[in-house]
Amino acid sequence: MPHFLSDGQRRILAAACCRLVPADDDPDATELGAADYIDGLLGAFLVDPPRIWAGGPFSGRFGGEASFASFHRLAAQDELAWRTRIEGSRGIPERERLGPVVGLQEQYTEGLAALGEDFPNIPAEQQDLRLRSVGPFLSVLLEHVCEGLYAAPEYGGNRDLMGWRSIGYLGDVQPRGYSDDEVSGE
């Protein structure tokens, strides 16, 4: 999967993810794939179709055809909305219908730069201080770390379903469940 972030940015991101969700009895956020999920989201449009909406209806983990890994093409309006969210408005009139938008790519570029190149190598207490100093970026990062831990693994996180296992979630268990006869009442 192509990456949006540079190697240096990925190192900073991985360290920040690990600081937000460190290892205990379970692996840390980076081992669970949170940094890969975030980089995949930022680079969603580097592949065709973009990695926005996984296919379906089944993952194949519990039967059915494994179709989650085939991503859907986006309708024009969906692509516009997602590109605006991820890339920002960039002065493009149709993306600025409601005003300029700072996209996730720019937020991560600036947020990781604010953490500093030395972030992975400084003591945990200093990492915590820097994380608290990046303002709204910390909320964005935390939200995406959580998504990366618990989203369907086709999006790049939840490596080996470890995120789901850590909270006792069985995951996408379809098509198991009620039979057609049970659903129809026969």
C-alpha atoms as a PDB file:
ATOM      1  CA  MET A   1       0.000   0.000   0.000  1.00  0.00           C
ATOM      2  CA  PRO A   2       1.451   3.418  -0.913  1.00  0.00           C
ATOM      3  CA  HIS A   3       2.277   5.755   1.928  1.00  0.00           C
ATOM      4  CA  PHE A   4       1.616   9.465   2.183  1.00  0.00           C
ATOM      5  CA  LEU A   5       4.068  10.134   5.004  1.00  0.00           C
ATOM      6  CA  SER A   6       7.840  10.184   4.658  1.00  0.00           C
ATOM      7  CA  ASP A   7       9.925   7.681   6.620  1.00  0.00           C
ATOM      8  CA  GLY A   8      10.779  10.371   9.174  1.00  0.00           C
ATOM      9  CA  GLN A   9       7.131  11.355   9.598  1.00  0.00           C
ATOM     10  CA  ARG A  10       6.180   7.694   9.983  1.00  0.00           C
ATOM     11  CA  ARG A  11       8.737   7.282  12.792  1.00  0.00           C
ATOM     12  CA  ILE A  12       7.272  10.285  14.622  1.00  0.00           C
ATOM     13  CA  LEU A  13       3.743   9.003  14.046  1.00  0.00           C
ATOM     14  CA  ALA A  14       4.621   5.508  15.281  1.00  0.00           C
ATOM     15  CA  ALA A  15       6.181   6.907  18.457  1.00  0.00           C
ATOM     16  CA  ALA A  16       3.149   9.143  19.077  1.00  0.00           C
ATOM     17  CA  CYS A  17       0.765   6.231  18.558  1.00  0.00           C
ATOM     18  CA  CYS A  18       2.781   4.109  20.999  1.00  0.00           C
ATOM     19  CA  ARG A  19       2.710   6.892  23.569  1.00  0.00           C
ATOM     20  CA  LEU A  20      -1.082   7.182  23.306  1.00  0.00           C
ATOM     21  CA  VAL A  21      -1.602   3.404  23.523  1.00  0.00           C
ATOM     22  CA  PRO A  22       1.501   1.824  25.045  1.00  0.00           C
ATOM     23  CA  ALA A  23       2.025  -1.906  25.353  1.00  0.00           C
ATOM     24  CA  ASP A  24       0.792  -3.635  28.468  1.00  0.00           C
ATOM     25  CA  ASP A  25      -0.657  -7.142  28.322  1.00  0.00           C
ATOM     26  CA  ASP A  26      -1.607  -6.259  24.745  1.00  0.00           C
ATOM     27  CA  PRO A  27       0.633  -4.882  21.977  1.00  0.00           C
ATOM     28  CA  ASP A  28       1.074  -1.112  21.531  1.00  0.00           C
ATOM     29  CA  ALA A  29      -0.816   0.952  18.965  1.00  0.00           C
ATOM     30  CA  THR A  30       1.883   0.641  16.311  1.00  0.00           C
ATOM     31  CA  GLU A  31       2.069  -3.138  16.664  1.00  0.00           C
ATOM     32  CA  LEU A  32      -1.714  -3.159  16.269  1.00  0.00           C
ATOM     33  CA  GLY A  33      -1.382  -1.204  13.000  1.00  0.00           C
ATOM     34  CA  ALA A  34      -2.619   2.262  14.010  1.00  0.00           C
ATOM     35  CA  ALA A  35       0.195   4.097  12.186  1.00  0.00           C
ATOM     36  CA  ASP A  36      -0.405   2.022   9.034  1.00  0.00           C
ATOM     37  CA  TYR A  37      -4.115   2.806   9.219  1.00  0.00           C
ATOM     38  CA  ILE A  38      -3.444   6.544   9.523  1.00  0.00           C
ATOM     39  CA  ASP A  39      -0.902   6.597   6.703  1.00  0.00           C
ATOM     40  CA  GLY A  40      -3.327   4.597   4.554  1.00  0.00           C
ATOM     41  CA  LEU A  41      -6.108   7.095   5.243  1.00  0.00           C
ATOM     42  CA  LEU A  42      -3.860  10.031   4.362  1.00  0.00           C
ATOM     43  CA  GLY A  43      -2.803   8.269   1.149  1.00  0.00           C
ATOM     44  CA  ALA A  44      -6.231   6.861   0.284  1.00  0.00           C
ATOM     45  CA  PHE A  45      -6.208   8.536  -3.142  1.00  0.00           C
ATOM     46  CA  LEU A  46      -2.769   7.223  -4.088  1.00  0.00           C
ATOM     47  CA  VAL A  47      -4.489   4.027  -5.277  1.00  0.00           C
ATOM     48  CA  ASP A  48      -7.413   3.359  -7.584  1.00  0.00           C
ATOM     49  CA  PRO A  49     -10.023   2.821  -6.355  1.00  0.00           C
ATOM     50  CA  PRO A  50      -9.231   4.881  -3.260  1.00  0.00           C
ATOM     51  CA  ARG A  51      -9.111   3.024   0.047  1.00  0.00           C
ATOM     52  CA  ILE A  52     -12.221   4.683   1.496  1.00  0.00           C
ATOM     53  CA  TRP A  53     -15.055   2.141   1.452  1.00  0.00           C
ATOM     54  CA  ALA A  54     -14.232  -1.544   1.697  1.00  0.00           C
ATOM     55  CA  GLY A  55     -16.372  -3.927  -0.292  1.00  0.00           C
ATOM     56  CA  GLY A  56     -18.851  -6.279   1.176  1.00  0.00           C
ATOM     57  CA  PRO A  57     -21.065  -7.681   2.338  1.00  0.00           C
ATOM     58  CA  PHE A  58     -18.693 -10.265   3.862  1.00  0.00           C
ATOM     59  CA  SER A  59     -15.043 -10.324   4.900  1.00  0.00           C
ATOM     60  CA  GLY A  60     -14.696 -14.069   4.479  1.00  0.00           C
ATOM     61  CA  ARG A  61     -13.448 -14.458   8.055  1.00  0.00           C
ATOM     62  CA  PHE A  62     -16.549 -16.454   9.039  1.00  0.00           C
ATOM     63  CA  GLY A  63     -17.791 -17.630   5.664  1.00  0.00           C
ATOM     64  CA  GLY A  64     -19.116 -15.897   2.613  1.00  0.00           C
ATOM     65  CA  GLU A  65     -17.015 -14.417  -0.155  1.00  0.00           C
ATOM     66  CA  ALA A  66     -14.038 -12.378   1.055  1.00  0.00           C
ATOM     67  CA  SER A  67     -15.054  -9.092  -0.576  1.00  0.00           C
ATOM     68  CA  PHE A  68     -13.957  -6.497   2.010  1.00  0.00           C
ATOM     69  CA  ALA A  69     -10.523  -6.236   0.385  1.00  0.00           C
ATOM     70  CA  SER A  70     -12.065  -4.963  -2.868  1.00  0.00           C
ATOM     71  CA  PHE A  71     -12.639  -1.260  -2.372  1.00  0.00           C
ATOM     72  CA  HIS A  72     -15.569   0.526  -4.013  1.00  0.00           C
ATOM     73  CA  ARG A  73     -15.243   3.300  -6.553  1.00  0.00           C
ATOM     74  CA  LEU A  74     -16.614   6.574  -5.239  1.00  0.00           C
ATOM     75  CA  ALA A  75     -19.392   8.590  -6.808  1.00  0.00           C
ATOM     76  CA  ALA A  76     -18.288  12.086  -7.865  1.00  0.00           C
ATOM     77  CA  GLN A  77     -19.837  13.809  -4.815  1.00  0.00           C
ATOM     78  CA  ASP A  78     -18.364  11.241  -2.422  1.00  0.00           C
ATOM     79  CA  GLU A  79     -14.929  11.691  -3.969  1.00  0.00           C
ATOM     80  CA  LEU A  80     -15.211  15.470  -3.691  1.00  0.00           C
ATOM     81  CA  ALA A  81     -16.180  15.220  -0.010  1.00  0.00           C
ATOM     82  CA  TRP A  82     -13.445  12.729   0.864  1.00  0.00           C
ATOM     83  CA  ARG A  83     -10.742  14.572  -1.101  1.00  0.00           C
ATOM     84  CA  THR A  84     -11.727  17.780   0.675  1.00  0.00           C
ATOM     85  CA  ARG A  85     -11.581  16.045   4.062  1.00  0.00           C
ATOM     86  CA  ILE A  86      -8.226  14.372   3.375  1.00  0.00           C
ATOM     87  CA  GLU A  87      -6.431  16.799   1.033  1.00  0.00           C
ATOM     88  CA  GLY A  88      -8.120  20.038   2.067  1.00  0.00           C
ATOM     89  CA  SER A  89      -9.692  22.608  -0.184  1.00  0.00           C
ATOM     90  CA  ARG A  90      -6.393  23.781  -1.758  1.00  0.00           C
ATOM     91  CA  GLY A  91      -8.119  26.823  -3.233  1.00  0.00           C
ATOM     92  CA  ILE A  92     -10.250  24.615  -5.503  1.00  0.00           C
ATOM     93  CA  PRO A  93     -13.638  26.381  -5.806  1.00  0.00           C
ATOM     94  CA  GLU A  94     -15.833  23.269  -5.555  1.00  0.00           C
ATOM     95  CA  ARG A  95     -13.977  22.249  -2.383  1.00  0.00           C
ATOM     96  CA  GLU A  96     -14.462  25.692  -0.834  1.00  0.00           C
ATOM     97  CA  ARG A  97     -18.224  25.930  -1.214  1.00  0.00           C
ATOM     98  CA  LEU A  98     -18.484  26.430   2.559  1.00  0.00           C
ATOM     99  CA  GLY A  99     -15.089  28.077   2.976  1.00  0.00           C
ATOM    100  CA  PRO A 100     -11.468  26.936   3.087  1.00  0.00           C
ATOM    101  CA  VAL A 101     -10.752  23.515   4.596  1.00  0.00           C
ATOM    102  CA  VAL A 102      -7.485  22.373   6.150  1.00  0.00           C
ATOM    103  CA  GLY A 103      -7.266  18.704   5.221  1.00  0.00           C
ATOM    104  CA  LEU A 104      -5.979  15.820   7.267  1.00  0.00           C
ATOM    105  CA  GLN A 105      -2.786  15.654   5.224  1.00  0.00           C
ATOM    106  CA  GLU A 106      -1.859  19.204   6.207  1.00  0.00           C
ATOM    107  CA  GLN A 107      -2.948  18.655   9.806  1.00  0.00           C
ATOM    108  CA  TYR A 108      -0.663  15.621  10.071  1.00  0.00           C
ATOM    109  CA  THR A 109       2.235  17.303   8.285  1.00  0.00           C
ATOM    110  CA  GLU A 110       2.077  20.266  10.670  1.00  0.00           C
ATOM    111  CA  GLY A 111       1.258  18.197  13.766  1.00  0.00           C
ATOM    112  CA  LEU A 112       4.123  15.754  13.258  1.00  0.00           C
ATOM    113  CA  ALA A 113       6.509  18.639  12.541  1.00  0.00           C
ATOM    114  CA  ALA A 114       5.417  20.270  15.807  1.00  0.00           C
ATOM    115  CA  LEU A 115       6.234  17.055  17.681  1.00  0.00           C
ATOM    116  CA  GLY A 116       9.737  17.269  16.225  1.00  0.00           C
ATOM    117  CA  GLU A 117      12.130  14.902  14.503  1.00  0.00           C
ATOM    118  CA  ASP A 118      13.594  13.906  17.855  1.00  0.00           C
ATOM    119  CA  PHE A 119      10.203  12.870  19.268  1.00  0.00           C
ATOM    120  CA  PRO A 120      10.839   9.104  18.966  1.00  0.00           C
ATOM    121  CA  ASN A 121      14.075   9.436  20.970  1.00  0.00           C
ATOM    122  CA  ILE A 122      13.063  11.652  23.886  1.00  0.00           C
ATOM    123  CA  PRO A 123      11.886  10.370  27.288  1.00  0.00           C
ATOM    124  CA  ALA A 124       8.220   9.498  27.752  1.00  0.00           C
ATOM    125  CA  GLU A 125       7.562  12.497  30.005  1.00  0.00           C
ATOM    126  CA  GLN A 126       8.833  14.886  27.320  1.00  0.00           C
ATOM    127  CA  GLN A 127       6.781  13.053  24.686  1.00  0.00           C
ATOM    128  CA  ASP A 128       3.692  13.594  26.839  1.00  0.00           C
ATOM    129  CA  LEU A 129       4.444  17.320  27.143  1.00  0.00           C
ATOM    130  CA  ARG A 130       4.872  17.663  23.390  1.00  0.00           C
ATOM    131  CA  LEU A 131       1.696  15.725  22.685  1.00  0.00           C
ATOM    132  CA  ARG A 132      -0.229  18.044  24.996  1.00  0.00           C
ATOM    133  CA  SER A 133       1.318  21.071  23.259  1.00  0.00           C
ATOM    134  CA  VAL A 134       0.005  20.290  19.756  1.00  0.00           C
ATOM    135  CA  GLY A 135      -3.526  21.413  20.567  1.00  0.00           C
ATOM    136  CA  PRO A 136      -6.339  20.143  18.335  1.00  0.00           C
ATOM    137  CA  PHE A 137      -3.975  17.818  16.463  1.00  0.00           C
ATOM    138  CA  LEU A 138      -3.847  15.556  19.522  1.00  0.00           C
ATOM    139  CA  SER A 139      -7.625  14.985  19.289  1.00  0.00           C
ATOM    140  CA  VAL A 140      -7.375  14.151  15.582  1.00  0.00           C
ATOM    141  CA  LEU A 141      -4.480  11.777  16.253  1.00  0.00           C
ATOM    142  CA  LEU A 142      -6.248  10.031  19.134  1.00  0.00           C
ATOM    143  CA  GLU A 143      -9.414   9.568  17.082  1.00  0.00           C
ATOM    144  CA  HIS A 144      -7.453   8.000  14.235  1.00  0.00           C
ATOM    145  CA  VAL A 145      -5.421   5.801  16.584  1.00  0.00           C
ATOM    146  CA  CYS A 146      -8.678   4.406  17.963  1.00  0.00           C
ATOM    147  CA  GLU A 147     -10.013   3.860  14.453  1.00  0.00           C
ATOM    148  CA  GLY A 148      -6.780   2.086  13.543  1.00  0.00           C
ATOM    149  CA  LEU A 149      -7.035  -0.216  16.549  1.00  0.00           C
ATOM    150  CA  TYR A 150     -10.623  -1.286  16.033  1.00  0.00           C
ATOM    151  CA  ALA A 151     -11.563  -0.804  12.358  1.00  0.00           C
ATOM    152  CA  ALA A 152     -11.826  -3.698   9.951  1.00  0.00           C
ATOM    153  CA  PRO A 153      -8.246  -4.765   9.164  1.00  0.00           C
ATOM    154  CA  GLU A 154      -8.749  -4.149   5.433  1.00  0.00           C
ATOM    155  CA  TYR A 155      -8.196  -0.464   6.215  1.00  0.00           C
ATOM    156  CA  GLY A 156      -4.646  -1.140   7.386  1.00  0.00           C
ATOM    157  CA  GLY A 157      -4.993  -1.343  11.167  1.00  0.00           C
ATOM    158  CA  ASN A 158      -6.258  -3.925  13.655  1.00  0.00           C
ATOM    159  CA  ARG A 159      -3.358  -6.162  12.659  1.00  0.00           C
ATOM    160  CA  ASP A 160      -4.159  -9.865  12.957  1.00  0.00           C
ATOM    161  CA  LEU A 161      -7.486  -8.838  14.576  1.00  0.00           C
ATOM    162  CA  MET A 162      -5.541  -8.106  17.772  1.00  0.00           C
ATOM    163  CA  GLY A 163      -7.493  -4.898  18.416  1.00  0.00           C
ATOM    164  CA  TRP A 164     -10.786  -6.762  18.374  1.00  0.00           C
ATOM    165  CA  ARG A 165      -9.393  -9.592  20.494  1.00  0.00           C
ATOM    166  CA  SER A 166      -8.091  -7.133  23.090  1.00  0.00           C
ATOM    167  CA  ILE A 167     -11.662  -5.984  23.815  1.00  0.00           C
ATOM    168  CA  GLY A 168     -13.319  -9.373  23.409  1.00  0.00           C
ATOM    169  CA  TYR A 169     -15.069  -8.400  20.171  1.00  0.00           C
ATOM    170  CA  LEU A 170     -15.706 -11.269  17.758  1.00  0.00           C
ATOM    171  CA  GLY A 171     -15.543  -8.938  14.783  1.00  0.00           C
ATOM    172  CA  ASP A 172     -17.531  -9.130  11.609  1.00  0.00           C
ATOM    173  CA  VAL A 173     -19.188 -12.493  12.122  1.00  0.00           C
ATOM    174  CA  GLN A 174     -21.532 -12.360   9.158  1.00  0.00           C
ATOM    175  CA  PRO A 175     -22.815 -14.490   7.496  1.00  0.00           C
ATOM    176  CA  ARG A 176     -23.087 -16.518  10.702  1.00  0.00           C
ATOM    177  CA  GLY A 177     -26.213 -15.966  12.702  1.00  0.00           C
ATOM    178  CA  TYR A 178     -29.822 -16.638  11.835  1.00  0.00           C
ATOM    179  CA  SER A 179     -30.652 -18.905   8.920  1.00  0.00           C
ATOM    180  CA  ASP A 180     -32.925 -17.669   6.129  1.00  0.00           C
ATOM    181  CA  ASP A 181     -35.723 -19.804   7.568  1.00  0.00           C
ATOM    182  CA  GLU A 182     -35.278 -18.276  11.038  1.00  0.00           C
ATOM    183  CA  VAL A 183     -35.327 -14.751   9.609  1.00  0.00           C
ATOM    184  CA  SER A 184     -38.449 -15.398   7.519  1.00  0.00           C
ATOM    185  CA  GLY A 185     -40.203 -17.122  10.446  1.00  0.00           C
ATOM    186  CA  GLU A 186     -40.611 -20.456   8.690  1.00  0.00           C
END
